[in-house]
Each structure stands twice: as structure tokens, then as C-alpha cells.
Amino acid sequence: MLTPQKARWALASLLLISGGLQAQLTINPTNEHPNPYDADAEFFDLPGSREWGSTSAVDIDPDGESIWVAERCSANSCAGSDVDPIIKYDKDGNIVTSFGGGMFIFPHGIHVDSEGNVWVTDGRAANANELAANPSAAGKGHVVYKFSPTGEVLMTFGQPGVAGDGTGGDLLNEPNDVITAPNGDIYIAEGHSGQGANADWDTVARIAKYDKTGRFLESWGRIGTAPGEFRTPHSLAFDSRGRLFVADRGNVRIQIFEQDGTFITEWKQFGRLSGIFIDKNDILYAADSESSAVSNPGWRRGIRVGSAITGHVISFIPDPEQNPGGTSAAEGVAADAAGNIYGAEVGPRQLVRYTRKPQ
């Protein structure tokens, strides 16, 4: 039933969508910037004959050179698998450690904090087909784990296998990403199912905030297109000023907030973002894995590199596929202290390393 409140939301969203589309037309696609990088899709191997699964999760260790990744167990789901989805590589691509086997359904986002602890989101519970094939997959998903660098579980947010309703802090619903602020506060982006224009108004789409002990503090956001509303808040990053960047994928924008949730501004020049990463020099790396003629006309998929201070795009690594379908190119992105870029790909199922071309 369409309540008066939902009717008001619907009308407001239609107006904002109309205005947003008009505004988007004034932003030329940033497809023609130079690409100063070479790609290496063979740099990383998995143990034995294991093949890569889909991955959207990559981050850099505090040492500035080691790479952490979470992949979906040689498939697009870890249901029924006991292989370790969380893997650490050294700068030369050698495996240092791995863990997390049997704990996940859908590893989605990863964050390595300043102490080297590894935070990983499990983005959904097992579906009916997965449960029928693998009953042991029950009771997993909709959680965020904090691991020590050696794989000890230090904290758990949410209740495994139980989806929240977007209120309070005890339960989570499709956590996409997690990040910690310099003071230790924890931010979790929830809601993966709301990026379509026909998403139900009850779909969860919010940022939940906790203190460093895990005590729930507040949350903001709901499904919608207005400032502070989201259609799949897919990835999180902080700049050097402590501003929180949210890749609001379904709305084809970055939203920037103060740490208390106060809206600052939005940017659309980086494409339809699945992943964002900001380094210590405020260089912003933005992974667009879903732009299409329908969702973001005229824009190519790939990784855009620019400034988190000015918002200027300075370079673009295009998806090698000219007319891609589904999800392609990097969905997760990170960059090490030497400026090498790492793209975690869901559709092609690989982790790609990008290095500067010789001058």
C-alpha cells in the first residue's frame, strides 16, 4: 500500500531523478583522459590449480606494499567451500598468508586498518539453491568480521545469516564495505539490492557508525536519490581531511560527508562507481564496472584517477572490452605506496596489477 509518506518520497525522487539526469547531461564523459598504465593480469596466482573467483575486495597493508584480497572461492559464492577466501600477497605477488575458509558466503568488501587488522564484509546469506546444494551454508552472511593479521576473529558485527531491517546496530543487511576512521570509529555501508529504479522503498540503504569498541552510535541514509540517500552505497574511503566518500553506485555519484553524516557535496565525474580508494596524497582511484548505455549513457567502464581535493580526473584506464555486458573491469580498487594500482574484477574473475608505463 502506498502510504502518504511513501508517496511524498516517490514524488521527491521523481523530481530529483529528472533534475539529476539533466545535470548529468552537462557533465561530459571522462573517457578521453590519458592512460599511463600497463596491465598485468598474470601477476597473482592462487595455490595449486585453484582458479580465481569473482572479487570486489582489495586493499593495501600498512607496510604500503603488501596486497590483501578476498575472492569468492573460485566461483561467485563461497557456499559449500572451505578454501580460504582472504589472501595476503607480498609486493612480488607471493602468498604470505590466507584464512577465512568456511566462514563466508559472499566476501564483498575489505579494509586493512592502521594496525594491520583485516575487516571483511559478507554481503549476503545463501540463496535457496545454495542451501539446497550445501545445507552447511546456513547461518552465514550479513556480517562484518574484524580479523587480526594472522586470521583470529577479533570482532563480529551483525548476526550470521540474519538480515537486519536498517534500524539499530545489532543486525546488518547486505554489508557492502567497511572502513575505520583515524579515531577508530567504524563505518559500514549496507544495502546491495537497491540500485534499480524500481527498488522497494523498504530496501535498506544506509551508513551505520560504531565506536572502536563496537558500540552502535548512529546511522544515516535510506533508499532514494536526494543528498544523504542511496541506491547501493557500494564502497567507502576517507581523504586526508577526514571526509567520508561513499560510492553511491545506483545514483552514479560519489557523496561526501562529514563523519557525523552531514552532507557536503556530490561528484558525478568519476562514473558509476563500484569501488573507491584514496591514498595518503589524496589521489582518488575510482572503479567503474557497470556503466552502460542504459545505466550511464556515453561513459566507458574502467578506473579513473583524480584528486580527492579538487575532484579533477587526470587519467583513465579503460575496460579493454568495448561493448561489455554484465559486470566487467575493476569493481574493487587500491593503490600501493609506489603508485601501482590493483583492480579486483567480478566478471572476468581476476586481480589485475597496473604499473606506470616507461617514460
Protein backbone atom coordinates (compact mmCIF):
# COMPACT_ATOMS: atom_id res chain seq x y z
CA MET A 1 0.00 0.00 0.00
CA LEU A 2 1.30 3.44 -0.91
CA THR A 3 1.27 5.45 2.29
CA PRO A 4 1.30 9.28 2.22
CA GLN A 5 4.94 9.23 3.35
CA LYS A 6 5.96 6.83 0.58
CA ALA A 7 4.01 8.92 -1.93
CA ARG A 8 5.97 12.01 -0.88
CA TRP A 9 9.24 10.08 -1.22
CA ALA A 10 8.21 8.86 -4.67
CA LEU A 11 7.34 12.36 -5.87
CA ALA A 12 10.55 13.82 -4.46
CA SER A 13 12.62 11.08 -6.07
CA LEU A 14 10.98 11.59 -9.48
CA LEU A 15 11.79 15.28 -9.32
CA LEU A 16 15.34 14.61 -8.20
CA ILE A 17 15.87 11.93 -10.84
CA SER A 18 14.69 14.37 -13.52
CA GLY A 19 16.98 17.09 -12.22
CA GLY A 20 19.84 14.65 -11.78
CA LEU A 21 19.56 13.40 -15.35
CA GLN A 22 19.59 16.95 -16.64
CA ALA A 23 22.64 17.73 -14.51
CA GLN A 24 24.35 14.55 -15.70
CA LEU A 25 23.94 15.67 -19.32
CA THR A 26 26.07 18.73 -18.53
CA ILE A 27 28.99 16.50 -17.45
CA ASN A 28 30.91 15.17 -20.40
CA PRO A 29 32.02 11.53 -20.02
CA THR A 30 35.60 11.41 -18.79
CA ASN A 31 36.63 8.73 -21.27
CA GLU A 32 39.44 10.50 -23.13
CA HIS A 33 41.97 11.15 -20.37
CA PRO A 34 45.42 9.61 -20.91
CA ASN A 35 46.18 6.08 -19.72
CA PRO A 36 49.75 5.97 -18.37
CA TYR A 37 49.49 2.38 -17.07
CA ASP A 38 50.31 -1.11 -18.30
CA ALA A 39 48.12 -4.01 -17.15
CA ASP A 40 49.34 -7.38 -15.86
CA ALA A 41 46.57 -9.93 -15.30
CA GLU A 42 49.07 -12.75 -14.62
CA PHE A 43 50.90 -11.22 -11.66
CA PHE A 44 48.92 -13.05 -8.96
CA ASP A 45 48.44 -16.80 -8.67
CA LEU A 46 46.35 -18.91 -6.31
CA PRO A 47 47.60 -22.07 -4.59
CA GLY A 48 47.88 -25.23 -6.70
CA SER A 49 45.40 -25.46 -9.54
CA ARG A 50 42.86 -23.19 -7.87
CA GLU A 51 41.31 -20.63 -10.19
CA TRP A 52 40.25 -17.11 -9.35
CA GLY A 53 36.68 -16.47 -8.31
CA SER A 54 34.88 -13.16 -8.51
CA THR A 55 36.45 -10.49 -6.35
CA SER A 56 35.47 -6.96 -5.46
CA ALA A 57 37.71 -6.70 -2.39
CA VAL A 58 41.30 -5.43 -2.42
CA ASP A 59 43.29 -3.23 -0.04
CA ILE A 60 46.88 -2.40 0.90
CA ASP A 61 48.70 -3.40 4.09
CA PRO A 62 50.08 -0.67 6.39
CA ASP A 63 53.55 -1.55 5.07
CA GLY A 64 52.46 0.20 1.87
CA GLU A 65 53.36 -2.67 -0.44
CA SER A 66 51.61 -5.91 0.56
CA ILE A 67 48.21 -6.60 -1.01
CA TRP A 68 45.15 -8.12 0.65
CA VAL A 69 42.31 -9.57 -1.40
CA ALA A 70 39.12 -11.51 -0.72
CA GLU A 71 37.87 -13.69 -3.58
CA ARG A 72 34.75 -15.83 -3.84
CA CYS A 73 36.27 -19.31 -3.66
CA SER A 74 36.87 -19.90 -7.39
CA ALA A 75 33.22 -19.03 -8.12
CA ASN A 76 30.87 -16.14 -7.33
CA SER A 77 29.99 -17.59 -3.95
CA CYS A 78 31.78 -19.44 -1.16
CA ALA A 79 28.72 -21.52 -0.24
CA GLY A 80 29.88 -25.10 0.32
CA SER A 81 33.57 -24.23 0.02
CA ASP A 82 36.22 -24.42 2.73
CA VAL A 83 39.06 -22.73 0.82
CA ASP A 84 40.50 -19.54 2.31
CA PRO A 85 38.96 -16.51 0.56
CA ILE A 86 41.19 -13.93 2.31
CA ILE A 87 44.74 -13.84 0.95
CA LYS A 88 47.76 -11.63 1.58
CA TYR A 89 50.42 -11.18 -1.12
CA ASP A 90 53.82 -9.56 -0.85
CA LYS A 91 54.91 -6.91 -3.34
CA ASP A 92 56.26 -9.60 -5.68
CA GLY A 93 52.98 -11.50 -5.83
CA ASN A 94 53.92 -14.30 -3.43
CA ILE A 95 51.29 -15.57 -0.99
CA VAL A 96 52.15 -14.65 2.60
CA THR A 97 49.10 -15.99 4.43
CA SER A 98 45.43 -16.87 3.96
CA PHE A 99 42.43 -17.56 6.18
CA GLY A 100 38.64 -17.43 6.47
CA GLY A 101 37.80 -20.83 4.98
CA GLY A 102 34.23 -21.98 5.64
CA MET A 103 33.15 -18.65 7.15
CA PHE A 104 31.74 -16.76 4.17
CA ILE A 105 29.05 -16.82 1.51
CA PHE A 106 29.82 -13.62 -0.40
CA PRO A 107 33.02 -11.79 0.62
CA HIS A 108 32.45 -8.33 -0.77
CA GLY A 109 34.44 -5.50 0.84
CA ILE A 110 37.82 -5.44 2.60
CA HIS A 111 39.60 -2.84 4.72
CA VAL A 112 43.00 -3.09 6.38
CA ASP A 113 43.32 -0.66 9.28
CA SER A 114 46.41 1.17 10.51
CA GLU A 115 47.27 -1.70 12.89
CA GLY A 116 47.08 -4.30 10.14
CA ASN A 117 43.75 -5.78 11.20
CA VAL A 118 41.67 -7.05 8.30
CA TRP A 119 37.96 -6.21 8.06
CA VAL A 120 35.83 -8.16 5.58
CA THR A 121 32.11 -7.92 4.79
CA ASP A 122 30.00 -10.98 3.97
CA GLY A 123 27.48 -9.36 1.67
CA ARG A 124 24.56 -11.78 1.72
CA ALA A 125 23.20 -15.05 3.05
CA ALA A 126 23.00 -18.21 0.97
CA ASN A 127 20.13 -18.35 -1.51
CA ALA A 128 17.68 -21.24 -1.84
CA ASN A 129 19.69 -23.07 -4.49
CA GLU A 130 22.90 -22.76 -2.49
CA LEU A 131 21.19 -24.04 0.65
CA ALA A 132 19.69 -26.99 -1.20
CA ALA A 133 23.09 -27.97 -2.53
CA ASN A 134 25.03 -27.08 0.62
CA PRO A 135 22.99 -27.13 3.86
CA SER A 136 26.14 -26.12 5.75
CA ALA A 137 25.84 -22.69 4.10
CA ALA A 138 23.03 -21.80 6.51
CA GLY A 139 23.81 -19.33 9.26
CA LYS A 140 26.31 -17.25 7.30
CA GLY A 141 26.25 -13.83 5.65
CA HIS A 142 25.04 -10.32 6.54
CA VAL A 143 28.05 -9.77 8.81
CA VAL A 144 31.35 -7.93 9.08
CA TYR A 145 34.37 -9.64 10.60
CA LYS A 146 37.43 -7.99 12.07
CA PHE A 147 40.44 -10.32 11.88
CA SER A 148 43.91 -9.98 13.30
CA PRO A 149 46.69 -10.05 10.68
CA THR A 150 47.00 -13.79 11.34
CA GLY A 151 43.29 -14.54 10.97
CA GLU A 152 42.00 -14.53 14.54
CA VAL A 153 38.43 -13.20 14.73
CA LEU A 154 38.52 -10.11 16.94
CA MET A 155 35.03 -8.67 16.39
CA THR A 156 31.81 -9.59 14.59
CA PHE A 157 29.14 -7.10 13.53
CA GLY A 158 25.68 -8.46 12.78
CA GLN A 159 24.31 -11.96 13.31
CA PRO A 160 25.44 -14.55 10.76
CA GLY A 161 22.64 -15.47 8.38
CA VAL A 162 20.16 -12.89 9.72
CA ALA A 163 19.31 -9.78 7.67
CA GLY A 164 18.58 -6.55 9.52
CA ASP A 165 15.89 -4.01 8.71
CA GLY A 166 18.15 -0.97 8.63
CA THR A 167 17.49 0.14 12.20
CA GLY A 168 19.80 -0.06 15.18
CA GLY A 169 23.17 -1.74 15.17
CA ASP A 170 22.61 -5.37 16.17
CA LEU A 171 21.84 -6.66 12.68
CA LEU A 172 23.20 -5.79 9.23
CA ASN A 173 21.64 -6.07 5.80
CA GLU A 174 23.88 -6.82 2.82
CA PRO A 175 27.00 -5.04 4.09
CA ASN A 176 28.97 -3.83 1.08
CA ASP A 177 32.01 -2.23 2.65
CA VAL A 178 33.60 -1.22 5.95
CA ILE A 179 36.19 1.36 6.94
CA THR A 180 37.69 2.78 10.14
CA ALA A 181 38.27 6.46 10.85
CA PRO A 182 41.54 7.77 12.33
CA ASN A 183 39.91 7.82 15.80
CA GLY A 184 38.85 4.19 15.46
CA ASP A 185 35.17 4.74 14.66
CA ILE A 186 33.77 2.11 12.29
CA TYR A 187 31.57 2.80 9.27
CA ILE A 188 29.62 0.09 7.44
CA ALA A 189 27.80 0.63 4.14
CA GLU A 190 24.64 -1.50 3.89
CA GLY A 191 22.26 -2.44 1.10
CA HIS A 192 23.22 -4.06 -2.19
CA SER A 193 19.76 -4.58 -3.69
CA GLY A 194 18.58 -1.02 -4.12
CA GLN A 195 20.36 0.33 -7.18
CA GLY A 196 17.48 -0.23 -9.60
CA ALA A 197 14.89 2.47 -10.17
CA ASN A 198 12.15 0.04 -9.12
CA ALA A 199 13.70 -0.87 -5.77
CA ASP A 200 11.20 -1.20 -2.96
CA TRP A 201 11.04 1.75 -0.59
CA ASP A 202 11.79 -0.58 2.32
CA THR A 203 15.14 -1.61 0.83
CA VAL A 204 17.97 -0.91 3.27
CA ALA A 205 20.45 1.74 2.09
CA ARG A 206 22.42 3.36 4.89
CA ILE A 207 25.74 4.03 6.60
CA ALA A 208 25.96 2.59 10.13
CA LYS A 209 28.51 4.04 12.55
CA TYR A 210 30.05 2.37 15.61
CA ASP A 211 32.76 3.39 18.04
CA LYS A 212 36.02 1.45 18.23
CA THR A 213 34.60 -0.89 20.87
CA GLY A 214 31.73 -1.88 18.56
CA ARG A 215 29.06 0.22 20.29
CA PHE A 216 26.46 1.44 17.79
CA LEU A 217 26.39 5.24 17.57
CA GLU A 218 24.12 6.27 14.70
CA SER A 219 23.19 5.68 11.09
CA TRP A 220 22.02 7.76 8.16
CA GLY A 221 20.54 7.20 4.75
CA ARG A 222 17.62 5.44 3.12
CA ILE A 223 16.70 4.40 -0.40
CA GLY A 224 16.43 7.43 -2.66
CA THR A 225 18.23 10.00 -4.77
CA ALA A 226 18.37 13.08 -2.54
CA PRO A 227 21.56 14.12 -0.73
CA GLY A 228 22.16 11.62 2.06
CA GLU A 229 20.04 8.94 0.35
CA PHE A 230 21.49 5.98 -1.53
CA ARG A 231 20.91 3.40 -4.20
CA THR A 232 23.53 0.86 -3.16
CA PRO A 233 26.30 2.55 -1.12
CA HIS A 234 28.95 0.23 -2.52
CA SER A 235 32.35 1.45 -1.29
CA LEU A 236 33.88 3.78 1.32
CA ALA A 237 37.04 5.87 1.63
CA PHE A 238 38.44 8.72 3.76
CA ASP A 239 40.54 11.60 2.49
CA SER A 240 43.29 13.32 4.48
CA ARG A 241 40.77 15.81 5.88
CA GLY A 242 38.67 13.02 7.37
CA ARG A 243 35.80 13.38 4.91
CA LEU A 244 33.90 10.19 4.18
CA PHE A 245 33.49 9.34 0.48
CA VAL A 246 30.64 6.97 -0.45
CA ALA A 247 30.39 5.34 -3.88
CA ASP A 248 26.63 5.62 -4.40
CA ARG A 249 26.57 3.28 -7.38
CA GLY A 250 22.90 3.29 -8.36
CA ASN A 251 22.82 7.08 -8.27
CA VAL A 252 26.01 7.33 -10.38
CA ARG A 253 27.83 9.57 -7.95
CA ILE A 254 30.20 9.96 -5.04
CA GLN A 255 28.63 11.51 -1.96
CA ILE A 256 30.98 13.23 0.50
CA PHE A 257 30.10 13.57 4.19
CA GLU A 258 31.43 14.80 7.47
CA GLN A 259 31.99 11.95 9.91
CA ASP A 260 28.70 12.73 11.65
CA GLY A 261 26.79 12.18 8.41
CA THR A 262 26.46 15.83 7.42
CA PHE A 263 26.26 16.01 3.64
CA ILE A 264 28.97 18.12 1.97
CA THR A 265 28.68 17.61 -1.79
CA GLU A 266 28.37 15.06 -4.59
CA TRP A 267 30.55 14.31 -7.63
CA LYS A 268 29.49 12.61 -10.87
CA GLN A 269 32.66 12.93 -12.93
CA PHE A 270 34.10 9.56 -11.84
CA GLY A 271 31.37 7.42 -13.42
CA ARG A 272 29.10 4.73 -11.99
CA LEU A 273 31.33 3.70 -9.14
CA SER A 274 31.69 0.27 -7.59
CA GLY A 275 34.96 0.96 -5.77
CA ILE A 276 36.91 3.93 -4.43
CA PHE A 277 40.33 4.24 -2.80
CA ILE A 278 42.12 7.39 -1.61
CA ASP A 279 45.85 7.30 -0.87
CA LYS A 280 47.86 9.40 1.59
CA ASN A 281 48.40 12.06 -1.08
CA ASP A 282 44.67 12.42 -1.69
CA ILE A 283 44.83 10.72 -5.07
CA LEU A 284 41.43 9.17 -5.71
CA TYR A 285 41.10 5.89 -7.59
CA ALA A 286 37.58 5.14 -8.82
CA ALA A 287 36.49 1.81 -10.32
CA ASP A 288 33.53 1.85 -12.70
CA SER A 289 32.43 -1.72 -13.51
CA GLU A 290 28.84 -1.09 -14.57
CA SER A 291 28.41 1.96 -16.80
CA SER A 292 26.34 1.05 -19.84
CA ALA A 293 24.11 2.59 -22.48
CA VAL A 294 21.22 2.13 -20.05
CA SER A 295 22.72 2.91 -16.65
CA ASN A 296 25.18 5.68 -17.62
CA PRO A 297 24.99 6.54 -21.34
CA GLY A 298 28.21 7.60 -23.03
CA TRP A 299 30.52 6.53 -20.21
CA ARG A 300 33.11 3.77 -20.52
CA ARG A 301 33.97 1.39 -17.74
CA GLY A 302 37.41 1.42 -16.18
CA ILE A 303 39.49 3.05 -13.44
CA ARG A 304 39.55 6.83 -13.23
CA VAL A 305 42.33 8.52 -11.26
CA GLY A 306 41.99 12.04 -9.94
CA SER A 307 42.11 14.37 -6.95
CA ALA A 308 40.08 13.86 -3.78
CA ILE A 309 40.59 17.55 -3.05
CA THR A 310 39.53 19.21 -6.32
CA GLY A 311 37.60 16.39 -7.94
CA HIS A 312 39.57 16.68 -11.18
CA VAL A 313 40.04 13.49 -13.22
CA ILE A 314 43.60 13.19 -14.53
CA SER A 315 43.84 9.73 -16.09
CA PHE A 316 41.66 6.82 -17.17
CA ILE A 317 42.40 3.10 -17.53
CA PRO A 318 39.62 1.90 -19.87
CA ASP A 319 37.99 -1.51 -19.78
CA PRO A 320 39.53 -3.45 -22.68
CA GLU A 321 36.03 -4.63 -23.61
CA GLN A 322 34.45 -2.09 -25.95
CA ASN A 323 30.88 -3.36 -25.55
CA PRO A 324 30.82 -5.23 -22.26
CA GLY A 325 27.82 -6.94 -20.77
CA GLY A 326 27.08 -7.75 -17.16
CA THR A 327 29.87 -6.65 -14.85
CA SER A 328 33.37 -6.11 -16.21
CA ALA A 329 36.53 -4.16 -15.41
CA ALA A 330 37.55 -3.49 -11.82
CA GLU A 331 34.90 -3.42 -9.11
CA GLY A 332 37.36 -3.01 -6.25
CA VAL A 333 40.47 -0.83 -6.45
CA ALA A 334 43.52 0.01 -4.35
CA ALA A 335 46.97 1.55 -4.88
CA ASP A 336 50.24 0.87 -3.06
CA ALA A 337 52.79 3.41 -1.86
CA ALA A 338 54.72 3.11 -5.14
CA GLY A 339 51.63 4.07 -7.15
CA ASN A 340 50.86 0.61 -8.53
CA ILE A 341 47.11 0.07 -8.91
CA TYR A 342 45.21 -3.14 -8.23
CA GLY A 343 41.84 -3.86 -9.79
CA ALA A 344 39.63 -6.61 -8.36
CA GLU A 345 37.27 -7.91 -11.04
CA VAL A 346 33.95 -9.71 -10.53
CA GLY A 347 33.02 -10.60 -14.12
CA PRO A 348 36.45 -11.53 -15.50
CA ARG A 349 37.37 -13.11 -12.12
CA GLN A 350 40.89 -11.82 -11.70
CA LEU A 351 43.12 -9.40 -9.81
CA VAL A 352 44.99 -7.11 -12.20
CA ARG A 353 48.12 -5.10 -11.40
CA TYR A 354 48.68 -1.78 -13.19
CA THR A 355 52.13 -0.19 -13.31
CA ARG A 356 53.33 3.07 -14.82
CA LYS A 357 54.42 2.86 -18.42
CA PRO A 358 58.11 3.62 -19.03
CA GLN A 359 58.71 7.27 -19.83
